Amino acid sequence: MKRVQCPNCGAIVEYDDKSVWEGNRDFEEVNCPNCDEYLTRVFTDGFPNPHIIKK
């Protein structure tokens, strides 16, 4: 799990950056669940599932 602070609303957002299967990966965008601000992109085979740790 990685954490990043949203530059728009200041929330601390945690997201999953791990991959399970090596061959089926793609880039997924991570947006803030609080204000929908773009935070980063993750190269993964799953969904980053961002959630707020601290507002």
Protein backbone atom coordinates (compact mmCIF):
# COMPACT_ATOMS: atom_id res chain seq x y z
CA MET A 1 0.00 0.00 0.00
CA LYS A 2 1.16 3.51 -0.79
CA ARG A 3 0.00 6.83 0.59
CA VAL A 4 -0.22 10.22 -1.07
CA GLN A 5 -1.60 13.59 0.00
CA CYS A 6 -4.18 15.20 -2.26
CA PRO A 7 -2.92 18.61 -3.45
CA ASN A 8 -6.50 19.90 -3.77
CA CYS A 9 -8.20 19.00 -0.45
CA GLY A 10 -5.26 17.78 1.69
CA ALA A 11 -6.70 14.30 2.39
CA ILE A 12 -4.25 11.44 2.93
CA VAL A 13 -5.19 8.70 0.45
CA GLU A 14 -3.97 5.11 0.59
CA TYR A 15 -4.06 2.88 -2.51
CA ASP A 16 -2.92 -0.60 -3.52
CA ASP A 17 0.01 -0.63 -5.96
CA LYS A 18 0.70 -4.38 -6.04
CA SER A 19 0.35 -6.76 -8.99
CA VAL A 20 -0.46 -10.45 -8.81
CA TRP A 21 -0.24 -11.57 -12.45
CA GLU A 22 2.69 -10.26 -14.46
CA GLY A 23 1.15 -10.51 -17.95
CA ASN A 24 -2.17 -8.74 -17.55
CA ARG A 25 -1.14 -5.29 -16.27
CA ASP A 26 -2.28 -1.88 -17.42
CA PHE A 27 -2.14 1.70 -16.16
CA GLU A 28 -4.92 2.68 -13.75
CA GLU A 29 -5.54 6.23 -12.55
CA VAL A 30 -5.86 6.99 -8.84
CA ASN A 31 -8.23 9.83 -7.95
CA CYS A 32 -8.99 11.29 -4.54
CA PRO A 33 -12.21 9.75 -3.16
CA ASN A 34 -13.00 13.04 -1.41
CA CYS A 35 -12.74 15.57 -4.28
CA ASP A 36 -11.98 13.41 -7.37
CA GLU A 37 -8.62 15.14 -7.98
CA TYR A 38 -6.16 13.13 -10.13
CA LEU A 39 -3.32 11.86 -7.91
CA THR A 40 -1.21 9.36 -9.85
CA ARG A 41 -1.13 6.36 -12.20
CA VAL A 42 -0.37 2.79 -11.16
CA PHE A 43 0.85 -0.06 -13.42
CA THR A 44 -1.14 -3.00 -12.04
CA ASP A 45 -3.37 -5.95 -12.95
CA GLY A 46 -6.01 -4.96 -10.39
CA PHE A 47 -7.87 -1.91 -9.19
CA PRO A 48 -5.92 0.48 -6.92
CA ASN A 49 -8.95 0.88 -4.56
CA PRO A 50 -8.09 4.32 -3.10
CA HIS A 51 -9.50 5.20 0.32
CA ILE A 52 -9.09 8.13 2.70
CA ILE A 53 -6.87 7.66 5.75
CA LYS A 54 -7.17 11.23 7.10
CA LYS A 55 -9.13 14.28 5.95
